[in-house]
Amino acid sequence: MRQTERRTAVNTARRSRIRTFLRKVEDAITSGDQAAAAAALKAAQPELMRGVTKGVLHKNTASRKMSRLAHRVKAMGA
């Protein structure tokens, strides 16, 4: 039970950190700054993949999020 509480706290913190990185990308996209959005996406990618290796996110979920964000950042330039 103690271990479950400890792991839950760690996973919650990790998930929150991932969401923060994703929010930074979203904010950069809405502001219209493609360079900032690309930089934020580059910073968010390893964080998402780390979430996968730690078991917080499913691999396909992280890949889907990365793909959709990358598509939106790329569309800003067009």
Protein backbone atom coordinates (compact mmCIF):
# COMPACT_ATOMS: atom_id res chain seq x y z
CA MET A 1 0.00 0.00 0.00
CA ARG A 2 2.80 2.44 0.83
CA GLN A 3 4.55 1.58 -2.38
CA THR A 4 1.37 2.20 -4.37
CA GLU A 5 0.97 5.63 -2.79
CA ARG A 6 4.60 6.46 -3.54
CA ARG A 7 4.36 5.34 -7.18
CA THR A 8 1.05 7.18 -7.62
CA ALA A 9 2.68 10.40 -6.44
CA VAL A 10 5.63 9.93 -8.80
CA ASN A 11 3.38 9.09 -11.76
CA THR A 12 1.10 12.05 -11.04
CA ALA A 13 4.08 14.41 -10.96
CA ARG A 14 5.46 12.95 -14.18
CA ARG A 15 2.08 13.22 -15.94
CA SER A 16 1.75 16.82 -14.77
CA ARG A 17 5.23 17.63 -16.09
CA ILE A 18 4.32 16.15 -19.49
CA ARG A 19 1.12 18.20 -19.62
CA THR A 20 3.10 21.35 -18.82
CA PHE A 21 5.42 20.71 -21.76
CA LEU A 22 2.43 20.08 -24.03
CA ARG A 23 0.76 23.26 -22.81
CA LYS A 24 3.87 25.25 -23.74
CA VAL A 25 3.61 23.90 -27.29
CA GLU A 26 -0.11 24.77 -27.42
CA ASP A 27 0.56 28.31 -26.19
CA ALA A 28 3.28 28.82 -28.79
CA ILE A 29 0.95 27.56 -31.53
CA THR A 30 -1.87 29.89 -30.48
CA SER A 31 0.52 32.86 -30.27
CA GLY A 32 1.49 32.22 -33.90
CA ASP A 33 5.24 32.00 -33.31
CA GLN A 34 6.40 29.02 -35.35
CA ALA A 35 10.01 29.14 -34.10
CA ALA A 36 8.88 29.07 -30.47
CA ALA A 37 6.38 26.31 -31.24
CA ALA A 38 9.06 24.20 -32.94
CA ALA A 39 11.43 24.71 -30.00
CA ALA A 40 8.71 23.80 -27.49
CA LEU A 41 7.85 20.70 -29.53
CA LYS A 42 11.51 19.67 -29.58
CA ALA A 43 11.61 20.02 -25.78
CA ALA A 44 8.33 18.13 -25.30
CA GLN A 45 9.28 15.10 -27.40
CA PRO A 46 11.81 13.53 -25.01
CA GLU A 47 9.50 14.25 -22.08
CA LEU A 48 6.66 12.36 -23.80
CA MET A 49 8.90 9.43 -24.65
CA ARG A 50 10.20 9.34 -21.09
CA GLY A 51 6.59 9.03 -19.97
CA VAL A 52 6.27 6.00 -22.23
CA THR A 53 9.38 4.29 -20.85
CA LYS A 54 8.22 4.94 -17.28
CA GLY A 55 4.79 3.49 -17.98
CA VAL A 56 2.81 6.70 -17.51
CA LEU A 57 1.63 6.86 -21.13
CA HIS A 58 0.97 4.25 -23.78
CA LYS A 59 3.39 4.33 -26.70
CA ASN A 60 0.69 4.97 -29.29
CA THR A 61 -0.82 7.77 -27.21
CA ALA A 62 2.50 9.60 -27.05
CA SER A 63 3.11 9.02 -30.76
CA ARG A 64 -0.34 10.34 -31.62
CA LYS A 65 0.16 13.47 -29.53
CA MET A 66 3.57 14.12 -31.11
CA SER A 67 2.23 13.58 -34.60
CA ARG A 68 -0.71 15.92 -34.15
CA LEU A 69 1.40 18.66 -32.59
CA ALA A 70 4.08 18.34 -35.27
CA HIS A 71 1.41 18.58 -37.96
CA ARG A 72 0.00 21.76 -36.40
CA VAL A 73 3.45 23.35 -36.05
CA LYS A 74 4.27 22.49 -39.66
CA ALA A 75 0.94 23.95 -40.85
CA MET A 76 1.86 27.28 -39.24
CA GLY A 77 4.57 27.81 -41.85
CA ALA A 78 2.22 27.22 -44.77
